[in-house]
Structures are given as C-alpha cells and as structure tokens.
Protein backbone atom coordinates (compact mmCIF):
# COMPACT_ATOMS: atom_id res chain seq x y z
CA MET A 1 119.78 30.40 151.66
CA ILE A 2 121.67 32.56 153.79
CA CYS A 3 121.39 33.86 157.16
CA PRO A 4 120.12 37.28 157.65
CA ASN A 5 121.76 37.57 161.08
CA CYS A 6 125.27 36.66 160.42
CA GLY A 7 125.56 36.17 156.56
CA SER A 8 126.85 32.48 156.35
CA ASN A 9 125.52 30.64 153.75
CA MET A 10 123.47 27.29 155.29
CA SER A 11 120.80 24.55 154.15
CA ASP A 12 117.43 25.44 153.32
CA LYS A 13 116.61 22.27 155.22
CA LYS A 14 118.02 23.48 158.62
CA LYS A 15 115.57 25.02 160.62
CA ARG A 16 118.62 27.23 162.62
CA CYS A 17 121.58 28.41 161.53
CA GLU A 18 124.74 26.31 162.61
CA ARG A 19 126.83 29.31 162.92
CA CYS A 20 124.85 31.73 165.39
CA GLY A 21 121.81 29.81 165.93
CA THR A 22 119.43 32.05 164.74
CA ASP A 23 115.78 30.41 163.94
CA MET A 24 115.11 30.41 160.34
CA SER A 25 111.28 29.08 160.41
CA ILE A 26 109.76 32.93 160.40
CA TYR A 27 112.52 34.31 158.10
CA ARG A 28 111.67 31.14 155.44
CA LYS A 29 107.93 32.28 155.66
CA ILE A 30 109.04 36.23 155.10
CA TYR A 31 110.99 34.95 152.02
CA ARG A 32 107.94 32.98 150.69
CA ALA A 33 105.49 35.26 151.12
CA SER A 34 107.96 37.87 149.05
CA ASN A 35 108.24 35.21 146.47
CA GLN A 36 104.33 35.01 146.48
CA TYR A 37 103.92 38.58 145.85
CA TYR A 38 106.70 38.72 143.12
CA ASN A 39 104.83 36.00 141.30
CA ASN A 40 101.87 37.78 141.56
CA GLY A 41 103.76 41.06 140.06
CA LEU A 42 104.87 39.01 137.28
CA ALA A 43 101.31 37.55 136.33
CA ARG A 44 99.67 41.19 136.56
CA VAL A 45 102.77 42.36 134.18
CA LYS A 46 101.71 39.60 131.75
CA VAL A 47 98.38 41.20 131.01
CA ARG A 48 100.03 44.94 131.43
CA ASP A 49 98.23 45.57 134.63
CA LEU A 50 101.40 47.48 135.36
CA SER A 51 100.10 49.56 138.09
CA GLY A 52 98.82 46.81 140.17
CA ALA A 53 102.18 44.86 139.26
CA ILE A 54 103.94 47.83 140.97
CA ILE A 55 102.07 47.59 144.34
CA SER A 56 102.64 43.78 144.44
CA LEU A 57 106.67 44.28 144.03
CA LYS A 58 106.84 46.96 146.30
CA SER A 59 105.13 44.59 149.08
CA SER A 60 107.72 41.93 147.94
CA LEU A 61 110.40 44.61 148.73
CA GLU A 62 109.20 45.35 151.96
CA LEU A 63 109.35 41.71 152.83
CA ASN A 64 112.81 40.94 151.19
CA LYS A 65 114.43 44.08 150.07
CA MET A 66 117.12 41.85 148.59
CA ASN A 67 114.63 40.00 146.34
CA THR A 68 116.97 41.04 143.15
CA SER A 69 114.27 39.65 140.73
CA ALA A 70 111.27 41.61 142.03
CA ARG A 71 113.40 44.71 142.15
CA ASN A 72 114.93 44.16 138.15
CA LEU A 73 111.00 43.45 137.27
CA LEU A 74 109.99 46.72 139.18
CA GLY A 75 112.60 48.49 137.32
CA LEU A 76 111.18 47.18 133.77
CA ILE A 77 108.29 48.37 134.58
CA TYR A 78 109.38 51.72 135.77
CA TYR A 79 111.18 51.94 132.18
CA GLU A 80 108.22 50.92 130.29
CA MET A 81 106.00 53.72 132.14
CA GLY A 82 108.72 56.40 130.74
CA GLU A 83 110.33 56.70 134.37
CA THR A 84 113.79 56.36 133.25
CA VAL A 85 115.46 57.42 136.58
CA ALA A 86 113.24 55.27 138.68
CA ALA A 87 114.33 52.09 136.54
CA LEU A 88 117.79 52.94 136.55
CA SER A 89 117.63 53.37 140.59
CA GLU A 90 115.93 50.09 141.14
CA TRP A 91 118.87 48.32 138.74
CA VAL A 92 121.63 50.17 140.72
CA ILE A 93 120.25 48.72 144.03
CA SER A 94 119.91 45.51 142.24
CA ARG A 95 123.42 45.38 141.19
CA HIS A 96 124.60 46.31 144.94
CA PHE A 97 122.90 43.36 146.54
CA GLN A 98 123.72 40.86 143.84
CA PRO A 99 127.08 41.74 141.70
CA THR A 100 127.20 39.12 139.81
CA GLU A 101 124.88 37.02 137.68
CA ASN A 102 122.52 39.91 137.92
CA ASP A 103 120.26 40.87 135.23
CA ALA A 104 120.12 44.44 136.08
CA GLU A 105 123.92 44.84 134.63
CA GLU A 106 122.41 44.26 131.56
CA TYR A 107 119.42 46.53 131.58
CA ILE A 108 121.92 49.30 132.68
CA ASN A 109 124.70 48.76 129.79
CA LYS A 110 121.39 48.61 127.17
CA VAL A 111 120.58 51.95 128.30
CA GLN A 112 124.20 53.48 128.75
CA SER A 113 125.37 52.04 125.39
CA ASN A 114 123.08 54.10 123.39
CA PRO A 115 123.53 57.80 124.06
CA THR A 116 121.17 58.92 121.35
CA LYS A 117 118.50 57.32 123.05
CA LEU A 118 119.85 58.33 126.29
CA ASP A 119 120.11 61.91 125.77
CA ALA A 120 116.49 61.94 123.84
CA LEU A 121 115.21 60.49 127.33
CA ASN A 122 117.06 63.18 129.13
CA GLN A 123 115.71 65.83 126.86
CA ALA A 124 111.83 64.15 127.38
CA ILE A 125 112.36 64.82 131.01
CA LYS A 126 113.59 68.52 130.51
CA ARG A 127 110.75 69.09 128.13
CA TYR A 128 108.42 68.00 131.01
CA ASN A 129 109.30 69.80 133.56
CA THR A 130 109.22 72.77 131.03
CA ALA A 131 105.95 72.27 130.06
CA LEU A 132 105.00 71.49 133.65
CA THR A 133 105.97 74.76 134.66
CA PHE A 134 104.26 76.23 131.77
CA ALA A 135 100.82 74.61 132.87
CA LYS A 136 100.98 76.18 136.25
CA GLN A 137 101.96 79.70 134.96
CA GLY A 138 98.82 79.03 132.43
CA SER A 139 100.40 79.15 129.39
CA ASP A 140 98.44 76.19 128.23
CA ASP A 141 99.80 76.49 124.25
CA LEU A 142 103.26 76.58 125.26
CA SER A 143 103.20 73.46 127.32
CA ILE A 144 101.12 71.33 125.04
CA ILE A 145 103.95 72.18 122.34
CA GLN A 146 106.38 70.94 124.71
CA LEU A 147 104.32 67.72 125.77
CA LYS A 148 103.98 66.93 121.83
CA LYS A 149 107.63 67.16 121.98
CA VAL A 150 108.06 64.70 125.06
CA VAL A 151 105.90 62.08 123.60
CA THR A 152 107.77 62.26 120.16
CA LEU A 153 111.08 61.52 122.34
CA ASN A 154 109.45 59.10 124.76
CA PRO A 155 106.59 57.58 123.46
CA HIS A 156 105.94 55.72 126.99
CA PHE A 157 106.22 58.68 128.98
CA ILE A 158 102.60 57.93 130.57
CA ARG A 159 102.82 61.28 133.16
CA ALA A 160 103.25 63.31 129.71
CA TYR A 161 99.91 61.79 128.11
CA HIS A 162 98.40 62.50 131.36
CA LEU A 163 99.36 66.17 131.57
CA LEU A 164 98.21 66.60 127.99
CA ALA A 165 94.80 64.91 128.39
CA LEU A 166 94.06 67.12 131.43
CA LEU A 167 95.40 70.46 129.44
CA HIS A 168 92.64 69.23 126.25
CA LEU A 169 90.02 68.84 129.08
CA LYS A 170 90.81 72.19 130.07
CA GLN A 171 90.47 73.48 126.52
CA LYS A 172 87.17 71.86 126.17
CA GLU A 173 89.00 69.22 123.45
CA ASN A 174 87.31 66.06 124.75
CA GLU A 175 88.55 64.07 121.66
CA LYS A 176 91.97 65.10 121.66
CA ALA A 177 92.37 64.25 125.14
CA LYS A 178 90.69 60.83 124.93
CA LYS A 179 93.18 59.97 122.22
CA TYR A 180 96.17 60.50 124.68
CA LEU A 181 94.13 58.44 127.76
CA LEU A 182 93.98 55.52 125.47
CA LYS A 183 97.62 55.75 124.50
CA ALA A 184 98.46 55.49 128.40
CA ALA A 185 96.07 53.17 128.78
CA LYS A 186 97.59 50.66 126.11
CA ILE A 187 100.83 50.93 128.21
CA ASP A 188 99.03 50.24 131.55
CA VAL A 189 95.66 49.35 131.77
CA SER A 190 95.13 49.71 135.20
CA ASN A 191 96.21 53.37 135.80
CA THR A 192 94.17 54.95 138.41
CA MET A 193 94.69 58.71 137.00
CA THR A 194 93.85 57.34 133.34
CA LEU A 195 90.93 55.85 134.30
CA ARG A 196 90.22 58.70 136.47
CA TYR A 197 90.02 60.93 133.34
CA LEU A 198 88.27 58.82 131.13
CA GLN A 199 85.45 58.44 133.79
CA GLU A 200 85.38 62.17 133.18
CA LEU A 201 85.25 62.47 129.67
CA GLU A 202 82.67 59.59 129.50
CA ALA A 203 80.25 61.13 132.14
CA PRO A 204 77.21 62.86 131.09
CA GLU A 205 76.71 66.44 132.08
CA GLY A 206 73.83 66.08 134.27
CA ALA A 207 75.65 62.70 136.34
CA THR A 208 76.10 65.21 139.08
CA LYS A 209 72.31 64.72 139.59
CA ASP A 210 72.14 61.25 140.36
CA PRO A 211 68.93 60.03 141.26
CA ASP A 212 70.24 57.09 142.96
CA SER A 213 71.95 59.51 145.50
CA ASN A 214 68.77 60.93 146.49
CA PRO A 215 66.34 57.70 147.12
CA GLU A 216 63.64 60.06 148.35
CA ALA A 217 63.33 61.52 144.95
CA GLU A 218 62.07 58.22 143.58
CA ARG A 219 59.26 58.13 146.27
CA SER A 220 56.05 57.21 144.48
CA SER A 221 52.94 59.75 144.85
CA THR A 222 51.22 57.51 147.39
CA SER A 223 54.25 57.72 149.93
CA ALA A 224 53.61 61.62 150.30
CA ILE A 225 50.02 60.55 151.87
CA ILE A 226 49.73 60.89 155.44
CA PRO A 227 47.32 58.61 157.64
CA ILE A 228 44.59 60.47 159.61
CA SER A 229 44.83 59.78 163.00
CA THR A 230 41.90 59.98 165.57
CA TYR A 231 41.31 63.47 166.81
CA LYS A 232 42.25 64.23 170.33
CA GLU A 233 42.01 67.13 172.39
CA ASP A 234 45.51 68.45 173.52
CA LYS A 235 45.37 68.83 177.62
CA PRO A 236 47.41 71.74 178.94
CA ASN A 237 51.06 70.89 179.06
CA ILE A 238 53.22 72.76 181.89
CA MET A 239 56.61 71.51 180.80
CA ALA A 240 56.57 73.66 177.68
CA PHE A 241 56.69 76.65 179.94
CA VAL A 242 59.07 75.03 182.24
CA ASN A 243 61.30 74.45 179.39
CA LEU A 244 61.01 77.98 178.46
CA VAL A 245 62.08 79.15 181.46
CA ILE A 246 65.30 77.17 181.53
CA GLY A 247 66.04 78.18 177.72
CA VAL A 248 65.71 81.71 178.55
CA ILE A 249 68.08 81.32 181.95
CA ILE A 250 70.58 79.28 179.99
CA GLY A 251 71.03 82.28 177.33
CA ILE A 252 71.55 84.66 179.85
CA ALA A 253 74.57 82.62 180.96
CA VAL A 254 75.89 82.18 177.68
CA THR A 255 75.98 85.69 176.96
CA ALA A 256 77.80 86.61 180.61
CA PHE A 257 80.29 83.87 180.37
CA LEU A 258 81.08 83.80 176.81
CA ILE A 259 80.19 86.36 174.68
CA VAL A 260 80.78 89.14 176.96
CA PRO A 261 84.18 88.32 177.51
CA THR A 262 85.05 87.33 173.69
CA LEU A 263 83.84 91.20 172.91
CA GLU A 264 85.99 92.34 175.93
CA LYS A 265 88.77 90.59 174.55
CA ARG A 266 88.52 91.76 171.13
CA GLN A 267 88.54 95.33 172.23
CA SER A 268 91.67 94.86 174.25
CA THR A 269 93.46 93.04 171.54
CA GLY A 270 92.38 95.58 169.01
CA SER A 271 95.06 97.93 169.46
CA ASP A 272 97.64 95.32 169.54
CA SER A 273 96.82 93.96 165.94
CA GLU A 274 96.84 97.88 164.89
CA TYR A 275 100.36 97.90 165.72
CA LEU A 276 101.46 94.51 164.16
CA ASP A 277 99.68 95.84 161.10
CA TYR A 278 101.60 98.60 161.48
CA SER A 279 105.15 97.01 161.95
CA THR A 280 104.48 94.41 159.09
CA SER A 281 103.77 97.61 156.50
CA LEU A 282 106.88 99.59 158.15
CA ALA A 283 108.80 95.83 157.05
CA LYS A 284 107.68 95.83 153.77
CA ILE A 285 108.51 99.86 152.85
CA GLU A 286 112.15 98.91 154.40
CA GLU A 287 112.35 95.64 151.93
CA GLN A 288 110.89 97.99 149.29
CA GLU A 289 113.48 100.94 149.96
CA GLY A 290 116.10 98.48 150.11
CA THR A 291 115.37 96.75 146.43
CA ILE A 292 115.07 100.19 145.21
CA GLY A 293 118.69 101.04 146.36
CA GLU A 294 120.03 97.90 144.84
CA LEU A 295 118.31 98.73 141.73
CA GLN A 296 119.63 102.41 141.66
CA ASN A 297 123.18 100.70 142.34
CA ASP A 298 122.77 98.49 139.49
CA LYS A 299 121.72 101.28 137.06
CA THR A 300 124.27 103.40 138.25
CA GLN A 301 126.82 100.66 137.38
CA LEU A 302 125.50 100.67 133.95
CA GLU A 303 125.61 104.00 133.48
CA GLN A 304 129.42 104.14 134.49
CA GLN A 305 130.10 101.27 132.13
CA ILE A 306 128.43 103.07 129.33
CA GLU A 307 130.27 106.34 130.19
CA THR A 308 133.50 104.39 130.16
CA LEU A 309 132.67 102.82 126.60
CA GLN A 310 131.46 106.57 125.33
CA GLU A 311 134.58 108.04 126.37
CA GLN A 312 136.59 104.97 124.63
CA ILE A 313 134.89 105.94 121.13
CA ASP A 314 135.25 109.94 121.66
CA ASN A 315 139.14 109.02 122.22
CA LEU A 316 139.11 106.94 118.99
CA VAL A 317 141.48 108.79 116.65
CA ILE A 318 140.15 107.76 113.10
CA PRO A 319 142.73 108.74 110.31
CA ASP A 320 141.01 110.69 107.69
CA ASP A 321 141.49 108.32 104.84
CA LYS A 322 140.58 104.99 106.67
CA THR A 323 137.44 106.02 108.54
CA SER A 324 135.67 103.10 106.75
CA ILE A 325 137.32 100.01 109.03
CA PHE A 326 135.77 101.53 112.20
CA ASP A 327 131.94 101.91 111.19
CA THR A 328 131.61 97.85 111.68
CA LEU A 329 133.47 98.59 115.29
CA ILE A 330 130.96 101.33 115.77
CA GLU A 331 127.86 99.50 114.84
CA ALA A 332 128.67 96.82 116.88
CA THR A 333 129.23 98.89 120.01
CA GLN A 334 125.77 100.68 119.51
CA ILE A 335 124.62 97.12 119.53
CA TYR A 336 126.24 96.82 123.03
CA LEU A 337 124.81 99.75 124.24
CA THR A 338 121.37 99.21 123.02
CA GLU A 339 121.53 95.77 124.55
CA ILE A 340 123.08 96.24 127.70
CA GLU A 341 119.94 98.48 128.85
CA LYS A 342 117.87 95.50 128.41
CA ALA A 343 117.42 92.54 130.79
CA GLU A 344 120.01 89.91 130.96
CA SER A 345 117.59 87.22 129.86
CA SER A 346 116.16 89.37 126.68
CA ARG A 347 120.04 90.47 125.51
CA ASP A 348 120.61 89.37 121.89
CA TYR A 349 124.61 88.58 122.27
CA VAL A 350 124.29 86.59 118.52
CA LYS A 351 123.63 89.68 116.84
CA MET A 352 126.43 91.63 118.30
CA ALA A 353 129.14 88.57 118.40
CA ASP A 354 128.00 88.07 114.32
CA LYS A 355 128.86 91.92 113.90
CA LEU A 356 132.42 91.36 115.59
CA ALA A 357 133.27 88.18 113.94
CA THR A 358 133.42 90.35 110.84
CA ILE A 359 136.28 92.93 112.11
CA ASP A 360 139.72 92.34 111.45
CA GLU A 361 141.63 94.32 114.60
CA THR A 362 144.86 94.04 112.92
CA GLN A 363 143.59 97.16 110.80
CA PHE A 364 143.51 99.17 113.77
CA ALA A 365 146.80 100.90 114.74
CA ASN A 366 144.70 102.61 117.60
CA GLU A 367 145.39 100.70 120.72
CA GLU A 368 142.11 101.79 122.13
CA ALA A 369 140.36 100.49 119.24
CA VAL A 370 142.16 97.13 119.45
CA ALA A 371 141.11 97.27 123.29
CA LEU A 372 137.27 98.04 122.47
CA VAL A 373 137.14 94.83 120.53
CA ALA A 374 138.52 92.98 122.56
CA ARG A 375 136.46 93.74 125.74
CA LEU A 376 133.07 93.39 123.57
CA ARG A 377 134.35 90.22 122.09
CA GLU A 378 134.93 89.07 125.83
CA VAL A 379 131.47 90.05 126.84
CA SER A 380 129.24 88.67 123.77
CA TYR A 381 131.48 85.48 122.56
CA PRO A 382 130.43 83.16 125.35
CA ALA A 383 126.72 83.99 125.45
CA ALA A 384 126.54 83.92 121.77
CA ALA A 385 128.77 80.46 121.52
CA GLU A 386 126.31 79.31 124.41
CA ALA A 387 122.99 79.84 122.48
CA HIS A 388 124.68 78.52 118.96
CA TYR A 389 125.34 75.35 120.76
CA ASP A 390 121.62 75.25 122.22
CA THR A 391 120.13 75.67 118.90
CA GLY A 392 122.64 72.98 117.56
CA HIS A 393 121.93 70.80 120.18
CA ASP A 394 118.02 70.93 119.20
CA TYR A 395 118.87 70.38 115.70
CA TYR A 396 120.87 67.54 116.64
CA SER A 397 118.14 65.87 118.96
CA ASP A 398 115.35 66.39 116.10
CA GLY A 399 117.93 64.72 113.69
CA LYS A 400 118.32 67.88 111.67
CA TYR A 401 122.24 67.14 111.47
CA GLU A 402 123.39 69.21 108.62
CA LYS A 403 121.64 72.17 110.54
CA ALA A 404 123.15 70.95 113.67
CA ILE A 405 126.77 71.06 112.35
CA LYS A 406 126.40 75.03 111.36
CA GLU A 407 125.14 76.03 114.44
CA LEU A 408 127.80 73.73 116.42
CA GLU A 409 130.59 75.07 114.09
CA LYS A 410 129.58 78.85 114.98
CA ALA A 411 129.76 77.75 118.70
CA VAL A 412 133.26 76.24 118.61
CA ASN A 413 134.35 79.12 116.53
CA LEU A 414 133.26 81.35 119.55
CA ASN A 415 134.90 79.44 122.38
CA PRO A 416 137.10 76.84 120.98
CA GLU A 417 136.97 75.18 124.61
CA ASP A 418 133.43 74.32 124.57
CA VAL A 419 133.79 70.10 124.54
CA ASN A 420 130.60 69.50 124.23
CA ALA A 421 129.87 71.72 121.28
CA ILE A 422 132.99 69.59 119.66
CA TYR A 423 131.41 66.46 120.76
CA PHE A 424 128.31 66.95 119.13
CA MET A 425 130.08 68.28 115.75
CA GLY A 426 131.77 64.73 115.88
CA ARG A 427 128.22 63.15 116.25
CA SER A 428 126.61 64.97 113.86
CA TYR A 429 128.97 64.12 111.13
CA HIS A 430 128.95 60.64 112.20
CA ARG A 431 125.11 60.41 111.84
CA ILE A 432 125.61 61.44 108.23
CA ASP A 433 127.97 58.74 107.77
CA ASP A 434 131.18 61.39 107.13
CA LYS A 435 133.53 59.14 109.13
CA GLU A 436 136.64 61.53 108.34
CA ASN A 437 135.19 64.64 110.07
CA ALA A 438 133.88 62.51 112.88
CA ALA A 439 137.14 61.11 113.60
CA LEU A 440 138.81 64.69 113.23
CA TYR A 441 136.06 65.81 116.25
CA TYR A 442 136.56 62.71 118.40
CA ASN A 443 140.04 62.91 118.31
CA ILE A 444 139.86 66.58 119.26
CA VAL A 445 137.99 65.52 122.64
CA LEU A 446 140.36 62.86 123.44
CA THR A 447 143.49 64.68 123.01
CA GLU A 448 142.45 68.16 124.14
CA TYR A 449 139.79 67.39 126.85
CA PRO A 450 140.84 63.75 127.94
CA ASP A 451 139.50 64.64 131.61
CA SER A 452 135.89 65.50 130.40
CA ASN A 453 132.87 63.33 130.69
CA ARG A 454 132.68 62.93 126.66
CA ALA A 455 136.20 61.35 126.74
CA SER A 456 134.89 57.94 127.00
CA ASP A 457 132.12 58.10 124.56
CA ALA A 458 134.47 59.99 122.07
CA GLN A 459 137.00 56.88 122.32
CA SER A 460 134.04 54.24 121.56
CA PHE A 461 132.66 56.01 119.11
CA LEU A 462 136.32 56.61 117.53
CA GLU A 463 136.78 52.79 117.34
CA GLN A 464 133.35 52.68 115.18
CA VAL A 465 134.27 55.01 112.60
CA GLN A 466 137.91 53.56 112.17
CA GLU A 467 136.96 50.02 111.52
C-alpha cells in the first residue's frame, strides 16, 4: 500500500505510516469503498448496464482517482458507446498514474495502430457535429443522411442513434425511430435517453388524460349525493358587516401606498425608456452604416481587381496568325471574372483550374499573357487542390480507392506540396495491393516531408509493403 501523504510503500497490516505517521485506517476504508464501486460497475458491465456502470465507476474514482482498474474499465465503456475521445482520455490519465504494467497502454496502442479505423472514428465525430448543426437549422433530411453515414462508420455511437430516432420521431416515422432505439438498447440496456424515447413511442395518444392522475373522476355516482341536514334559521351576523368595512379600508390603503406610487414611477420613467429606445436604435443604425461601408469597400476592391484584369486583357497583343492559342486563356479569364463576383464559399475554382491546366504558357510570346496565366493559377490552384483532396478523402473513407486515387492525383498535380494528398495516395495504392506505387508515395513523404505528422505512419506502412 502507498501512503497518500508521503508516497512511501508500506505494509497493508500497518495502521500508521512508518515514515510520516499518518493514520491509514480511514484511507483503507476509502480504498475498500472504491473497490466495491468498481466491482459493482464490473457486474453491471457484464449484463450491458453501461450507464449504471459509468455511475459506479465514477463514484469509485471520486474516492480513489488512482484506481487504474476502474479508470481502464470506464474507458472501455466509453469506447463501446462510441465515445472514442473520452475513452482515450481515461486511458491516458490511467497511464499517467501507472506507467508500467498497465492495460491502458495496450488499449491505446490498439486504437492508434489502426489509422484507418481511427480516421473512420474521427470522420464519424465530424459528421455527427455536422448533422447536429443541420438539425439545429431545421434541415432534418440532410441531418439524417449524415447520421446514417455516422452509424456506418461507428456502429456503436449511441448519441447518433438517439439523434436519428429523435429526427424520425419529429417526422412521425415511429417504426424507423424504434429500430434505431432498439440498436442503441442492445449496446446499453439502461440508457435513460433510450428508455425515455422508447416510452414516448409506446405511450398511447390519450395517455395524457390518465384517470389515475385525477382520482375525483373515478368517484361513483353515489359520492355526489350530499346528505340533507336539519333546517336552522340563520341568525343575523354582525361580523359579516365588520369584515366588509375592514376589506374596504384595506383596499383603500393598498391603492394609496402601492398602486398610486407605481403609476407615478411609470410616468417618470416613460421619458427615460423612450430615450434608451432612441439610443439603441441609433446604435443599430450606426452598426448598419459601418457594415454597409465595409461592403462598399469590398465592392470597390473587387471592381478595381476586375478593371486591372480587363486592362491586362485589353493590352494583350495577339498575333494575327496565332489567335487560337489565346482562346483558352480568355475563357479561363471570363470564368474568373464570373466567379469573383460570387460569394467566396460558392466560387467554383475547380472549373477554372481545369481550364488553366490545358494552357501551355510557353506558346505565349507576350509577357502580359504569361503573367495573367500565373496570376489565375495562383488564385485557383490551391482552392481547387483542396476541393479535390476533400473529395478523394471521402472516396477513401468509403472504400472507393480507385476513385480516391484519381481525385488525390489531381490534388497533387495542382499542389505538389500537399503532404496529406501524397500520403493518402500511398494509402489508396496500399489498399488495392499496388505495393510498388504505395512505396513510391510513402518514400516521397519520408524524403521530402520528414518532419510532417504523416512521416511516422508512412514509415511503418512502407515497411509493410517492402516485406
């Protein structure tokens, strides 16, 4: 046993630490309680009561944060529920408390040794966040499409099943919602969110009118019979008149001391509120004017840029016998002028880059034409390369490796320094068992980008293809 005060090792039979003299009886009780919570959590895990197990294990760690067995089991539960980040966090903390002979090291290595699966889990988390954004915006169909992809990448992601069920419930598709909830229930039988949604599905439409909640509705007809009492002539009651007079006096007092001052206060603050409303409106107007000014500046810059490009086009000296070689350049310039007027998020740089890729600038004797080609490529190639990389990466994640190679090759041609595109070219060739090309791209990563975050993975995969 380790003394929590000085950190020295001591015998389990000793009541006090021999080094610092700390009484260990209370600590032993705490450690035993922590172990009991751990055993309770382990028993719950064996019957797939994961939510109950999490509560027990967290209680265990509250009593003894260095209980690595409880922390490792908590990480396994999170991993089973699709919460990869939470699982890795628990295992890293466990490894910090127990650097040697710790199962957490093996769990971390198993997750990190399979980059494809780890990448799929990361993609699942990103797509889930995207689906959550779509759901908040009211785009339920787009959110459902993303979530279906999420549960394909990570079939144990309980939160994705819950959101899918909720969206189907919103669209009155109860059978589909129930299907996803049952899948979530197989992973965690006692998840409160799953049980709550299932209860909503199974509740009848008229369940809100529960007769048990209104016991008076179940009274028999005989309970409404009122027994007849003997008749007695009422005597004059002076207290009723006294109470009436007292009530009138109280009403006058309330009016004088509460209502009248409130009305006077409202009248005095009326002008202040009008002034505040005017100040607020003036601030909004100034903010709108500032925004309009910024937009006008942006418009002016774009117009200047368009005028500059138009001047370059007008100043081009085209030989009479070689007018055809400028057709493609003019088309590319027109595409640029059209796209630059759009919002940045909706500009089609791929179309422009594809057109520019067909131009051989060595044919131009005019320096202005060569400069214009270089300018257009500088603007369009990086954005087009990123678009091709994103498409190729999606194909790679979906297992469509040949299509991924085509898109990633376009990305590399447009941006030869994109180490991620080069790396996934190697991974795609590796996946289709083309070891020669896979080794080629792995070597490019290692020789030209040795300090990148892809270098270590490229080295390990290169050793596999060279075996």
